[in-house]
Structures are given as C-alpha cells and as structure tokens.
Amino acid sequence: MPVAINTDEANEQHYELPTDFFKLCLGPNMKYSSCIYPKGNETLEEAERAMLTLYCERAKLGPGQRILELGCGWGSLCLFIAERYPTSRVKAVSNSRTQREHIMALAFARGIKNLQVVTANMVEFDEESTSDRYDRIVSVEMLEHMKNYDVVFRRVSRWLAPNGLFFCHVFAHKHYAYHFEDSGKPQDWMARHFFLGGTMPSADLFLHFQRDLDVVKRWWINGCHYSKTLEAWLRNQDRRKRECWPYLVDTYGDPKNANSRASRRNIVRWWVRWRVFYIACSELFRYNKGEEWGVLFYLFRKRPAGGYSQSPGEPFR
C-alpha cells in the first residue's frame, strides 16, 4: 500500500486559497486543527494556546531537546515550541513553500533562531543522516492524510534517538476507521471537495501498528472542543466576509471574465461550501455530546530491535 494517495489533489483542496484568507478565518496562531476549551468560555486565541501548551506537556517536551515536527501547517506548534524552549533545536517539515515563507517571516520578526523549516512531500521525506536523531517527534493532524502506517512508523522510529518519544494528535471515531473516497455519490461530498484520500482513524487503529513503536499512552479529547473550534472559524469567516471575498474571487472566479454569471455562481458556491465544511464538521464532532468523534493523542516510544507488540498502552484518561 502506498504511504498516501491523492496527495496533490488533497493539498490543492485545502490550500489553494492563499494564506491571507486563512488569516481571516483561523485564530491568531493560525492553528488549523482542534483547539481545547478547558473552561468552555475561552477565546479562540486562548483555546489555541491551551492546546499548544497541552501538546508540550503530553509530548514531554523540554529545553535542550532535538525536536522534529511532521506536517507543520502555518507553524503554530513549531513556533510555540521554539519560543517556549529556546535551547531546543526545532525542525519542522511543510509541504508548502508559501507556508514555509510565512513561518520563517514570523520567526524572524520574533527573533527566533532555533527553528528550521524544510519544504518536502511527507510521502518522500526521509531523514537519512545517522547523526541527526530526535529526542521528540510531534505530528498534529498529519497522519489522517497517510495510508501505510507501517512505513510511516518505521521511518519515525529510525529518526528517534534511543530514548525518544513520538507524540501525535489525530481526529478519530471512537470505534470505526474509514476512508474518504469519491465514488460519485452525493454523500462523498467531503472527500470530493475537502479531504480526498484521507482517513478517519478509529481510537484503536494505531494499536495495530507497533512493530517499530510502542504505545505508551492514549488520551481522548471530547469532540465538542473541535466543534467549538470550527464554529469560531465559521464566525470569523462570516464576520469578515467583505475581506474574504477578494480571495474567493481570485481563486474560484473566471480569470478571463470574473463578472460572468458562471464565475459569480462558482464564487458563491465556494463561499457556501466553506461554510458548510465548518458546519458539517462541527455537527459531526458535537454528535452524541462529543463522544462519537473526537481528538486522540498517542504517545509512542521507540521499540528496541527484534520485538513486536500490540500493547494497548495505558487506558484513556
């Protein structure tokens, strides 16, 4: 099985709009994944920082470490880590040149000098240098774009130092894993427009891929936190419609005749699709009071050579 499928199409689906559009919709840290609302009344920025802080705690990050982030998006986590632990060396992998430029501009403005960002396709990315091993590897909502977890986890294990840990955040269904495929049916809308080739992991999926990594612990985060995050993004898009609109025109309009009826209809169609994307995902994660779909944290350790495990790790907290 390939490491991932439909990577070009999936990347275009989510990132064909420019960074400035997402600056209007996301929070100040540009975190394009679930936030957490410990008290329930936090602002989006507070919820972003609460989740970033929680990652650092549960991944056991600390000063002086060599840290690798796989799939860094617009840099919310790698920038947070580099600022929080200035004596650590942080390397982040992005599949987007424009995202890398965005991150490095922020790092320069903040005086961050311990962060390196490389542009690479995660399917092909490999750290071959035997001298560069990481104390911690972190990943946030990247593994949902992968298919062959045996290969991915084998690479991660090889990149880890002997006592290294791998921490990942994925969204998940509590019981069932499934693929996002477009077979032409109306119910394939999400795959067709936003998540082609993706995977919805189940809460136990990675327990079956412990040839090279051991599960130490898992945590379940109630899906209502993701629902609140998505609703905050929706409010931002609606509130800033006038500012968002030119980016939709540039991306989805007809460059030869932006004012044609067909062009205007396509722009409106995509405005609605983005709204429905946020609404549909919010309802999904809120279903059954957030106990059907949610967010899952895994903490793995590097396995010694010569063993295979199906350890369940510690039970959910």
C-alpha atoms as a PDB file:
ATOM      1  CA  MET A   1       0.000   0.000   0.000  1.00  0.00           C
ATOM      2  CA  PRO A   2       1.354   3.483  -0.815  1.00  0.00           C
ATOM      3  CA  VAL A   3       2.260   5.806   2.036  1.00  0.00           C
ATOM      4  CA  ALA A   4      -0.512   8.191   0.925  1.00  0.00           C
ATOM      5  CA  ILE A   5      -2.845   8.703  -2.040  1.00  0.00           C
ATOM      6  CA  ASN A   6      -4.293  11.720  -3.870  1.00  0.00           C
ATOM      7  CA  THR A   7      -1.713  13.945  -2.173  1.00  0.00           C
ATOM      8  CA  ASP A   8      -1.671  16.652  -4.849  1.00  0.00           C
ATOM      9  CA  GLU A   9      -5.459  16.858  -5.016  1.00  0.00           C
ATOM     10  CA  ALA A  10      -5.847  16.899  -1.227  1.00  0.00           C
ATOM     11  CA  ASN A  11      -3.241  19.632  -0.857  1.00  0.00           C
ATOM     12  CA  GLU A  12      -4.971  21.742  -3.502  1.00  0.00           C
ATOM     13  CA  GLN A  13      -8.380  21.235  -1.876  1.00  0.00           C
ATOM     14  CA  HIS A  14      -7.319  22.814   1.389  1.00  0.00           C
ATOM     15  CA  TYR A  15      -4.547  25.172   0.424  1.00  0.00           C
ATOM     16  CA  GLU A  16      -5.460  26.587  -2.988  1.00  0.00           C
ATOM     17  CA  LEU A  17      -6.774  29.648  -1.176  1.00  0.00           C
ATOM     18  CA  PRO A  18      -3.937  31.974  -0.114  1.00  0.00           C
ATOM     19  CA  THR A  19      -2.583  32.245   3.415  1.00  0.00           C
ATOM     20  CA  ASP A  20      -4.229  35.658   3.836  1.00  0.00           C
ATOM     21  CA  PHE A  21      -7.678  34.056   3.549  1.00  0.00           C
ATOM     22  CA  PHE A  22      -6.922  31.676   6.405  1.00  0.00           C
ATOM     23  CA  LYS A  23      -5.505  34.535   8.478  1.00  0.00           C
ATOM     24  CA  LEU A  24      -9.012  35.964   8.419  1.00  0.00           C
ATOM     25  CA  CYS A  25     -10.715  32.713   9.454  1.00  0.00           C
ATOM     26  CA  LEU A  26      -8.335  30.996  11.869  1.00  0.00           C
ATOM     27  CA  GLY A  27      -7.091  32.233  15.220  1.00  0.00           C
ATOM     28  CA  PRO A  28      -4.041  34.470  15.742  1.00  0.00           C
ATOM     29  CA  ASN A  29      -1.723  31.446  15.948  1.00  0.00           C
ATOM     30  CA  MET A  30      -3.022  30.048  12.622  1.00  0.00           C
ATOM     31  CA  LYS A  31      -3.705  26.670  14.230  1.00  0.00           C
ATOM     32  CA  TYR A  32      -5.602  24.669  11.591  1.00  0.00           C
ATOM     33  CA  SER A  33      -6.641  21.840  13.929  1.00  0.00           C
ATOM     34  CA  SER A  34      -8.703  21.337  17.055  1.00  0.00           C
ATOM     35  CA  CYS A  35      -8.199  23.702  19.965  1.00  0.00           C
ATOM     36  CA  ILE A  36      -9.247  22.989  23.548  1.00  0.00           C
ATOM     37  CA  TYR A  37     -11.567  24.949  25.837  1.00  0.00           C
ATOM     38  CA  PRO A  38     -10.768  23.892  29.435  1.00  0.00           C
ATOM     39  CA  LYS A  39     -13.323  26.259  30.999  1.00  0.00           C
ATOM     40  CA  GLY A  40     -15.634  26.488  27.994  1.00  0.00           C
ATOM     41  CA  ASN A  41     -15.596  30.273  27.671  1.00  0.00           C
ATOM     42  CA  GLU A  42     -12.117  30.827  26.239  1.00  0.00           C
ATOM     43  CA  THR A  43     -11.483  32.970  23.191  1.00  0.00           C
ATOM     44  CA  LEU A  44     -10.177  31.201  20.099  1.00  0.00           C
ATOM     45  CA  GLU A  45      -6.676  32.515  20.831  1.00  0.00           C
ATOM     46  CA  GLU A  46      -6.819  31.233  24.410  1.00  0.00           C
ATOM     47  CA  ALA A  47      -8.079  27.851  23.174  1.00  0.00           C
ATOM     48  CA  GLU A  48      -5.240  27.680  20.640  1.00  0.00           C
ATOM     49  CA  ARG A  49      -2.629  28.346  23.308  1.00  0.00           C
ATOM     50  CA  ALA A  50      -4.262  25.920  25.739  1.00  0.00           C
ATOM     51  CA  MET A  51      -3.954  23.110  23.200  1.00  0.00           C
ATOM     52  CA  LEU A  52      -0.386  24.044  22.242  1.00  0.00           C
ATOM     53  CA  THR A  53       0.566  24.011  25.924  1.00  0.00           C
ATOM     54  CA  LEU A  54      -1.119  20.628  26.365  1.00  0.00           C
ATOM     55  CA  TYR A  55       0.932  19.197  23.481  1.00  0.00           C
ATOM     56  CA  CYS A  56       4.140  20.274  25.206  1.00  0.00           C
ATOM     57  CA  GLU A  57       3.075  18.603  28.442  1.00  0.00           C
ATOM     58  CA  ARG A  58       1.890  15.324  26.960  1.00  0.00           C
ATOM     59  CA  ALA A  59       4.743  15.019  24.471  1.00  0.00           C
ATOM     60  CA  LYS A  60       7.134  15.626  27.392  1.00  0.00           C
ATOM     61  CA  LEU A  61       8.897  18.438  25.567  1.00  0.00           C
ATOM     62  CA  GLY A  62      11.635  20.331  27.346  1.00  0.00           C
ATOM     63  CA  PRO A  63      14.730  22.505  26.994  1.00  0.00           C
ATOM     64  CA  GLY A  64      17.769  21.239  25.149  1.00  0.00           C
ATOM     65  CA  GLN A  65      15.894  18.676  23.062  1.00  0.00           C
ATOM     66  CA  ARG A  66      16.121  17.973  19.348  1.00  0.00           C
ATOM     67  CA  ILE A  67      12.530  18.170  18.135  1.00  0.00           C
ATOM     68  CA  LEU A  68      11.037  17.338  14.716  1.00  0.00           C
ATOM     69  CA  GLU A  69       7.520  18.320  13.658  1.00  0.00           C
ATOM     70  CA  LEU A  70       5.971  16.452  10.738  1.00  0.00           C
ATOM     71  CA  GLY A  71       3.449  18.481   8.743  1.00  0.00           C
ATOM     72  CA  CYS A  72       3.668  21.875  10.426  1.00  0.00           C
ATOM     73  CA  GLY A  73       0.962  23.824   8.568  1.00  0.00           C
ATOM     74  CA  TRP A  74       1.347  27.545   9.239  1.00  0.00           C
ATOM     75  CA  GLY A  75       3.702  26.925  12.129  1.00  0.00           C
ATOM     76  CA  SER A  76       1.506  27.284  15.209  1.00  0.00           C
ATOM     77  CA  LEU A  77       3.228  24.442  17.069  1.00  0.00           C
ATOM     78  CA  CYS A  78       6.830  24.720  15.872  1.00  0.00           C
ATOM     79  CA  LEU A  79       6.883  28.463  16.601  1.00  0.00           C
ATOM     80  CA  PHE A  80       5.320  27.873  20.022  1.00  0.00           C
ATOM     81  CA  ILE A  81       7.888  25.179  20.870  1.00  0.00           C
ATOM     82  CA  ALA A  82      10.851  27.203  19.628  1.00  0.00           C
ATOM     83  CA  GLU A  83       9.787  30.210  21.722  1.00  0.00           C
ATOM     84  CA  ARG A  84       8.965  28.139  24.802  1.00  0.00           C
ATOM     85  CA  TYR A  85      12.233  26.165  24.722  1.00  0.00           C
ATOM     86  CA  PRO A  86      14.909  28.468  23.262  1.00  0.00           C
ATOM     87  CA  THR A  87      17.713  25.977  23.987  1.00  0.00           C
ATOM     88  CA  SER A  88      16.000  23.253  21.946  1.00  0.00           C
ATOM     89  CA  ARG A  89      16.650  22.728  18.234  1.00  0.00           C
ATOM     90  CA  VAL A  90      13.387  22.538  16.316  1.00  0.00           C
ATOM     91  CA  LYS A  91      12.986  21.306  12.753  1.00  0.00           C
ATOM     92  CA  ALA A  92       9.605  21.427  11.002  1.00  0.00           C
ATOM     93  CA  VAL A  93       8.521  19.862   7.718  1.00  0.00           C
ATOM     94  CA  SER A  94       5.984  21.598   5.476  1.00  0.00           C
ATOM     95  CA  ASN A  95       4.768  20.528   2.045  1.00  0.00           C
ATOM     96  CA  SER A  96       4.139  24.161   1.092  1.00  0.00           C
ATOM     97  CA  ARG A  97       6.681  26.781   0.076  1.00  0.00           C
ATOM     98  CA  THR A  98       4.301  29.606   0.991  1.00  0.00           C
ATOM     99  CA  GLN A  99       3.686  28.132   4.436  1.00  0.00           C
ATOM    100  CA  ARG A 100       7.425  27.890   4.998  1.00  0.00           C
ATOM    101  CA  GLU A 101       7.859  31.533   3.998  1.00  0.00           C
ATOM    102  CA  HIS A 102       5.064  32.525   6.390  1.00  0.00           C
ATOM    103  CA  ILE A 103       6.681  30.649   9.292  1.00  0.00           C
ATOM    104  CA  MET A 104      10.185  31.960   8.660  1.00  0.00           C
ATOM    105  CA  ALA A 105       8.910  35.545   8.425  1.00  0.00           C
ATOM    106  CA  LEU A 106       7.244  35.161  11.830  1.00  0.00           C
ATOM    107  CA  ALA A 107      10.361  33.544  13.288  1.00  0.00           C
ATOM    108  CA  PHE A 108      12.490  36.445  12.049  1.00  0.00           C
ATOM    109  CA  ALA A 109      10.051  39.023  13.427  1.00  0.00           C
ATOM    110  CA  ARG A 110      10.045  37.331  16.838  1.00  0.00           C
ATOM    111  CA  GLY A 111      13.796  36.811  16.969  1.00  0.00           C
ATOM    112  CA  ILE A 112      13.506  33.014  16.939  1.00  0.00           C
ATOM    113  CA  LYS A 113      16.798  31.456  15.873  1.00  0.00           C
ATOM    114  CA  ASN A 114      16.383  27.806  16.905  1.00  0.00           C
ATOM    115  CA  LEU A 115      13.826  26.873  14.231  1.00  0.00           C
ATOM    116  CA  GLN A 116      14.500  25.340  10.819  1.00  0.00           C
ATOM    117  CA  VAL A 117      11.679  24.738   8.327  1.00  0.00           C
ATOM    118  CA  VAL A 118      12.133  22.498   5.290  1.00  0.00           C
ATOM    119  CA  THR A 119       9.764  22.023   2.374  1.00  0.00           C
ATOM    120  CA  ALA A 120       9.165  18.381   1.481  1.00  0.00           C
ATOM    121  CA  ASN A 121       6.433  15.978   0.464  1.00  0.00           C
ATOM    122  CA  MET A 122       5.755  13.841   3.546  1.00  0.00           C
ATOM    123  CA  VAL A 123       5.392  10.767   1.335  1.00  0.00           C
ATOM    124  CA  GLU A 124       9.010  11.127   0.255  1.00  0.00           C
ATOM    125  CA  PHE A 125      10.551  12.840   3.284  1.00  0.00           C
ATOM    126  CA  ASP A 126      13.261  10.809   4.994  1.00  0.00           C
ATOM    127  CA  GLU A 127      15.998  11.780   7.426  1.00  0.00           C
ATOM    128  CA  GLU A 128      18.886   9.649   6.223  1.00  0.00           C
ATOM    129  CA  SER A 129      21.614  11.199   8.369  1.00  0.00           C
ATOM    130  CA  THR A 130      22.571   8.772  11.141  1.00  0.00           C
ATOM    131  CA  SER A 131      23.920  11.672  13.208  1.00  0.00           C
ATOM    132  CA  ASP A 132      20.599  13.541  13.307  1.00  0.00           C
ATOM    133  CA  ARG A 133      18.328  11.721  15.747  1.00  0.00           C
ATOM    134  CA  TYR A 134      15.480  13.384  17.574  1.00  0.00           C
ATOM    135  CA  ASP A 135      14.510  13.309  21.227  1.00  0.00           C
ATOM    136  CA  ARG A 136      10.930  14.107  20.300  1.00  0.00           C
ATOM    137  CA  ILE A 137       8.900  13.886  17.103  1.00  0.00           C
ATOM    138  CA  VAL A 138       5.461  15.502  17.023  1.00  0.00           C
ATOM    139  CA  SER A 139       2.637  15.456  14.493  1.00  0.00           C
ATOM    140  CA  VAL A 140      -0.745  17.210  14.527  1.00  0.00           C
ATOM    141  CA  GLU A 141      -3.480  16.089  12.103  1.00  0.00           C
ATOM    142  CA  MET A 142      -0.988  14.823   9.548  1.00  0.00           C
ATOM    143  CA  LEU A 143      -1.460  11.051   9.901  1.00  0.00           C
ATOM    144  CA  GLU A 144      -5.059  11.343   8.660  1.00  0.00           C
ATOM    145  CA  HIS A 145      -3.511  12.014   5.236  1.00  0.00           C
ATOM    146  CA  MET A 146      -1.444   8.797   5.359  1.00  0.00           C
ATOM    147  CA  LYS A 147      -2.391   5.213   4.465  1.00  0.00           C
ATOM    148  CA  ASN A 148       0.602   2.947   5.154  1.00  0.00           C
ATOM    149  CA  TYR A 149       1.258   3.387   8.857  1.00  0.00           C
ATOM    150  CA  ASP A 150       3.793   0.550   8.931  1.00  0.00           C
ATOM    151  CA  VAL A 151       6.075   2.563   6.650  1.00  0.00           C
ATOM    152  CA  VAL A 152       5.427   5.888   8.399  1.00  0.00           C
ATOM    153  CA  PHE A 153       6.078   4.499  11.883  1.00  0.00           C
ATOM    154  CA  ARG A 154       9.187   2.643  10.709  1.00  0.00           C
ATOM    155  CA  ARG A 155      10.622   5.933   9.483  1.00  0.00           C
ATOM    156  CA  VAL A 156       9.660   7.723  12.687  1.00  0.00           C
ATOM    157  CA  SER A 157      11.334   5.012  14.758  1.00  0.00           C
ATOM    158  CA  ARG A 158      14.510   5.327  12.708  1.00  0.00           C
ATOM    159  CA  TRP A 159      14.591   9.102  13.248  1.00  0.00           C
ATOM    160  CA  LEU A 160      14.159   8.821  17.031  1.00  0.00           C
ATOM    161  CA  ALA A 161      17.042   8.765  19.491  1.00  0.00           C
ATOM    162  CA  PRO A 162      17.198   5.575  21.639  1.00  0.00           C
ATOM    163  CA  ASN A 163      15.012   7.086  24.392  1.00  0.00           C
ATOM    164  CA  GLY A 164      12.984   9.238  22.027  1.00  0.00           C
ATOM    165  CA  LEU A 165       9.208   9.705  22.042  1.00  0.00           C
ATOM    166  CA  PHE A 166       6.707  10.295  19.245  1.00  0.00           C
ATOM    167  CA  PHE A 167       3.539  12.262  20.022  1.00  0.00           C
ATOM    168  CA  CYS A 168       0.658  12.613  17.579  1.00  0.00           C
ATOM    169  CA  HIS A 169      -2.756  14.267  17.530  1.00  0.00           C
ATOM    170  CA  VAL A 170      -5.375  12.837  15.164  1.00  0.00           C
ATOM    171  CA  PHE A 171      -9.096  13.287  14.880  1.00  0.00           C
ATOM    172  CA  ALA A 172     -10.843   9.942  15.219  1.00  0.00           C
ATOM    173  CA  HIS A 173     -14.037   7.955  15.527  1.00  0.00           C
ATOM    174  CA  LYS A 174     -14.213   6.092  18.807  1.00  0.00           C
ATOM    175  CA  HIS A 175     -14.886   2.700  17.207  1.00  0.00           C
ATOM    176  CA  TYR A 176     -14.576   2.662  13.410  1.00  0.00           C
ATOM    177  CA  ALA A 177     -11.877   3.649  10.920  1.00  0.00           C
ATOM    178  CA  TYR A 178     -12.855   4.551   7.374  1.00  0.00           C
ATOM    179  CA  HIS A 179     -11.541   6.120   4.171  1.00  0.00           C
ATOM    180  CA  PHE A 180     -12.655   9.320   2.465  1.00  0.00           C
ATOM    181  CA  GLU A 181     -13.304   8.295  -1.146  1.00  0.00           C
ATOM    182  CA  ASP A 182     -15.177   9.911  -4.009  1.00  0.00           C
ATOM    183  CA  SER A 183     -17.277   7.321  -5.817  1.00  0.00           C
ATOM    184  CA  GLY A 184     -19.516   9.946  -7.382  1.00  0.00           C
ATOM    185  CA  LYS A 185     -22.273   9.635  -4.780  1.00  0.00           C
ATOM    186  CA  PRO A 186     -23.786  12.709  -3.088  1.00  0.00           C
ATOM    187  CA  GLN A 187     -22.599  11.508   0.326  1.00  0.00           C
ATOM    188  CA  ASP A 188     -18.972  11.689  -0.884  1.00  0.00           C
ATOM    189  CA  TRP A 189     -19.148  15.498  -0.773  1.00  0.00           C
ATOM    190  CA  MET A 190     -16.475  15.850   1.917  1.00  0.00           C
ATOM    191  CA  ALA A 191     -13.953  13.722   0.034  1.00  0.00           C
ATOM    192  CA  ARG A 192     -14.777  15.347  -3.297  1.00  0.00           C
ATOM    193  CA  HIS A 193     -14.199  18.913  -2.138  1.00  0.00           C
ATOM    194  CA  PHE A 194     -12.068  18.840   1.025  1.00  0.00           C
ATOM    195  CA  PHE A 195     -10.441  15.553   2.052  1.00  0.00           C
ATOM    196  CA  LEU A 196      -9.857  13.257  -0.915  1.00  0.00           C
ATOM    197  CA  GLY A 197      -7.702  10.256   0.005  1.00  0.00           C
ATOM    198  CA  GLY A 198      -7.948  10.948   3.725  1.00  0.00           C
ATOM    199  CA  THR A 199      -8.579   8.571   6.597  1.00  0.00           C
ATOM    200  CA  MET A 200     -10.759   8.785   9.683  1.00  0.00           C
ATOM    201  CA  PRO A 201      -8.778   6.705  12.195  1.00  0.00           C
ATOM    202  CA  SER A 202     -10.502   4.734  14.912  1.00  0.00           C
ATOM    203  CA  ALA A 203      -9.400   5.193  18.501  1.00  0.00           C
ATOM    204  CA  ASP A 204      -7.581   1.845  18.444  1.00  0.00           C
ATOM    205  CA  LEU A 205      -6.173   1.954  14.895  1.00  0.00           C
ATOM    206  CA  PHE A 206      -2.549   2.654  15.777  1.00  0.00           C
ATOM    207  CA  LEU A 207      -2.511  -0.131  18.380  1.00  0.00           C
ATOM    208  CA  HIS A 208      -2.198  -2.477  15.398  1.00  0.00           C
ATOM    209  CA  PHE A 209       0.986  -0.801  14.112  1.00  0.00           C
ATOM    210  CA  GLN A 210       3.514  -1.357  16.895  1.00  0.00           C
ATOM    211  CA  ARG A 211       6.247  -3.171  15.018  1.00  0.00           C
ATOM    212  CA  ASP A 212       8.655  -0.240  15.389  1.00  0.00           C
ATOM    213  CA  LEU A 213       6.989   1.921  18.057  1.00  0.00           C
ATOM    214  CA  ASP A 214       5.348   1.046  21.382  1.00  0.00           C
ATOM    215  CA  VAL A 215       2.216   2.823  22.527  1.00  0.00           C
ATOM    216  CA  VAL A 216       2.871   4.374  25.932  1.00  0.00           C
ATOM    217  CA  LYS A 217      -0.401   6.215  26.443  1.00  0.00           C
ATOM    218  CA  ARG A 218      -3.562   7.440  24.719  1.00  0.00           C
ATOM    219  CA  TRP A 219      -5.836  10.352  25.565  1.00  0.00           C
ATOM    220  CA  TRP A 220      -9.341  11.012  24.229  1.00  0.00           C
ATOM    221  CA  ILE A 221     -10.391  14.663  23.828  1.00  0.00           C
ATOM    222  CA  ASN A 222     -14.154  15.171  23.655  1.00  0.00           C
ATOM    223  CA  GLY A 223     -15.272  16.220  20.167  1.00  0.00           C
ATOM    224  CA  CYS A 224     -17.146  19.269  21.470  1.00  0.00           C
ATOM    225  CA  HIS A 225     -13.783  21.050  21.701  1.00  0.00           C
ATOM    226  CA  TYR A 226     -13.326  20.607  17.941  1.00  0.00           C
ATOM    227  CA  SER A 227     -16.920  21.686  17.352  1.00  0.00           C
ATOM    228  CA  LYS A 228     -16.311  24.952  19.232  1.00  0.00           C
ATOM    229  CA  THR A 229     -13.120  25.487  17.221  1.00  0.00           C
ATOM    230  CA  LEU A 230     -14.935  25.040  13.917  1.00  0.00           C
ATOM    231  CA  GLU A 231     -17.749  27.354  14.967  1.00  0.00           C
ATOM    232  CA  ALA A 232     -15.173  30.022  15.844  1.00  0.00           C
ATOM    233  CA  TRP A 233     -13.660  29.696  12.351  1.00  0.00           C
ATOM    234  CA  LEU A 234     -17.146  29.954  10.830  1.00  0.00           C
ATOM    235  CA  ARG A 235     -17.896  33.108  12.813  1.00  0.00           C
ATOM    236  CA  ASN A 236     -14.633  34.647  11.648  1.00  0.00           C
ATOM    237  CA  GLN A 237     -15.409  33.864   8.012  1.00  0.00           C
ATOM    238  CA  ASP A 238     -18.927  35.278   8.287  1.00  0.00           C
ATOM    239  CA  ARG A 239     -17.816  38.364  10.203  1.00  0.00           C
ATOM    240  CA  ARG A 240     -15.047  39.098   7.705  1.00  0.00           C
ATOM    241  CA  LYS A 241     -16.951  38.250   4.541  1.00  0.00           C
ATOM    242  CA  ARG A 242     -16.069  41.524   2.837  1.00  0.00           C
ATOM    243  CA  GLU A 243     -12.349  40.937   3.475  1.00  0.00           C
ATOM    244  CA  CYS A 244     -12.532  37.249   2.482  1.00  0.00           C
ATOM    245  CA  TRP A 245     -14.394  37.839  -0.773  1.00  0.00           C
ATOM    246  CA  PRO A 246     -11.494  39.088  -2.965  1.00  0.00           C
ATOM    247  CA  TYR A 247      -9.547  35.893  -2.223  1.00  0.00           C
ATOM    248  CA  LEU A 248     -12.523  33.784  -3.295  1.00  0.00           C
ATOM    249  CA  VAL A 249     -12.822  35.829  -6.495  1.00  0.00           C
ATOM    250  CA  ASP A 250      -9.120  35.341  -7.286  1.00  0.00           C
ATOM    251  CA  THR A 251      -9.230  31.608  -6.542  1.00  0.00           C
ATOM    252  CA  TYR A 252     -12.613  30.481  -7.842  1.00  0.00           C
ATOM    253  CA  GLY A 253     -13.591  33.185 -10.326  1.00  0.00           C
ATOM    254  CA  ASP A 254     -13.009  33.061 -14.072  1.00  0.00           C
ATOM    255  CA  PRO A 255      -9.752  34.984 -14.655  1.00  0.00           C
ATOM    256  CA  LYS A 256     -10.938  35.953 -18.140  1.00  0.00           C
ATOM    257  CA  ASN A 257     -14.383  37.142 -17.068  1.00  0.00           C
ATOM    258  CA  ALA A 258     -14.777  37.383 -13.297  1.00  0.00           C
ATOM    259  CA  ASN A 259     -18.142  39.139 -13.647  1.00  0.00           C
ATOM    260  CA  SER A 260     -19.791  36.488 -15.786  1.00  0.00           C
ATOM    261  CA  ARG A 261     -22.792  34.722 -14.325  1.00  0.00           C
ATOM    262  CA  ALA A 262     -20.971  31.380 -14.235  1.00  0.00           C
ATOM    263  CA  SER A 263     -17.987  32.940 -12.489  1.00  0.00           C
ATOM    264  CA  ARG A 264     -20.126  34.669  -9.867  1.00  0.00           C
ATOM    265  CA  ARG A 265     -22.073  31.479  -9.227  1.00  0.00           C
ATOM    266  CA  ASN A 266     -18.882  29.495  -8.685  1.00  0.00           C
ATOM    267  CA  ILE A 267     -17.550  32.079  -6.228  1.00  0.00           C
ATOM    268  CA  VAL A 268     -20.800  31.984  -4.243  1.00  0.00           C
ATOM    269  CA  ARG A 269     -20.831  28.189  -4.429  1.00  0.00           C
ATOM    270  CA  TRP A 270     -17.379  28.019  -2.821  1.00  0.00           C
ATOM    271  CA  TRP A 271     -18.282  30.559  -0.173  1.00  0.00           C
ATOM    272  CA  VAL A 272     -21.171  28.271   0.781  1.00  0.00           C
ATOM    273  CA  ARG A 273     -19.009  25.148   0.577  1.00  0.00           C
ATOM    274  CA  TRP A 274     -16.530  26.558   3.075  1.00  0.00           C
ATOM    275  CA  ARG A 275     -19.391  27.474   5.413  1.00  0.00           C
ATOM    276  CA  VAL A 276     -20.919  24.004   5.060  1.00  0.00           C
ATOM    277  CA  PHE A 277     -17.498  22.428   5.654  1.00  0.00           C
ATOM    278  CA  TYR A 278     -17.232  24.148   9.038  1.00  0.00           C
ATOM    279  CA  ILE A 279     -20.885  23.477   9.914  1.00  0.00           C
ATOM    280  CA  ALA A 280     -20.819  19.795   8.899  1.00  0.00           C
ATOM    281  CA  CYS A 281     -17.589  19.120  10.785  1.00  0.00           C
ATOM    282  CA  SER A 282     -18.889  20.966  13.839  1.00  0.00           C
ATOM    283  CA  GLU A 283     -22.051  18.860  13.899  1.00  0.00           C
ATOM    284  CA  LEU A 284     -20.023  15.680  13.398  1.00  0.00           C
ATOM    285  CA  PHE A 285     -17.751  16.324  16.371  1.00  0.00           C
ATOM    286  CA  ARG A 286     -20.637  17.508  18.565  1.00  0.00           C
ATOM    287  CA  TYR A 287     -22.722  14.379  17.862  1.00  0.00           C
ATOM    288  CA  ASN A 288     -23.527  12.270  20.929  1.00  0.00           C
ATOM    289  CA  LYS A 289     -22.155  15.026  23.174  1.00  0.00           C
ATOM    290  CA  GLY A 290     -18.713  14.692  21.599  1.00  0.00           C
ATOM    291  CA  GLU A 291     -18.249  11.031  22.486  1.00  0.00           C
ATOM    292  CA  GLU A 292     -18.544   9.559  18.975  1.00  0.00           C
ATOM    293  CA  TRP A 293     -15.974  11.570  17.018  1.00  0.00           C
ATOM    294  CA  GLY A 294     -13.220  13.421  18.822  1.00  0.00           C
ATOM    295  CA  VAL A 295      -9.498  14.022  19.079  1.00  0.00           C
ATOM    296  CA  LEU A 296      -6.999  11.369  20.079  1.00  0.00           C
ATOM    297  CA  PHE A 297      -3.480  11.818  21.411  1.00  0.00           C
ATOM    298  CA  TYR A 298      -0.967   8.981  21.167  1.00  0.00           C
ATOM    299  CA  LEU A 299       2.418   8.859  22.859  1.00  0.00           C
ATOM    300  CA  PHE A 300       4.828   6.261  21.443  1.00  0.00           C
ATOM    301  CA  ARG A 301       8.337   5.243  22.408  1.00  0.00           C
ATOM    302  CA  LYS A 302      10.977   3.792  20.130  1.00  0.00           C
ATOM    303  CA  ARG A 303      10.979  -0.008  20.216  1.00  0.00           C
ATOM    304  CA  PRO A 304      14.223  -1.890  20.675  1.00  0.00           C
ATOM    305  CA  ALA A 305      15.148  -4.055  17.705  1.00  0.00           C
ATOM    306  CA  GLY A 306      13.737  -7.548  17.500  1.00  0.00           C
ATOM    307  CA  GLY A 307      10.281  -7.257  19.019  1.00  0.00           C
ATOM    308  CA  TYR A 308       6.672  -6.744  18.024  1.00  0.00           C
ATOM    309  CA  SER A 309       4.000  -5.501  20.386  1.00  0.00           C
ATOM    310  CA  GLN A 310       0.278  -4.932  20.484  1.00  0.00           C
ATOM    311  CA  SER A 311       0.376  -3.139  23.804  1.00  0.00           C
ATOM    312  CA  PRO A 312      -2.760  -1.100  24.474  1.00  0.00           C
ATOM    313  CA  GLY A 313      -0.703   1.384  26.459  1.00  0.00           C
ATOM    314  CA  GLU A 314      -2.448   2.941  29.415  1.00  0.00           C
ATOM    315  CA  PRO A 315      -6.246   3.279  29.152  1.00  0.00           C
ATOM    316  CA  PHE A 316      -7.878   6.551  28.175  1.00  0.00           C
ATOM    317  CA  ARG A 317      -7.864   9.269  30.779  1.00  0.00           C
END
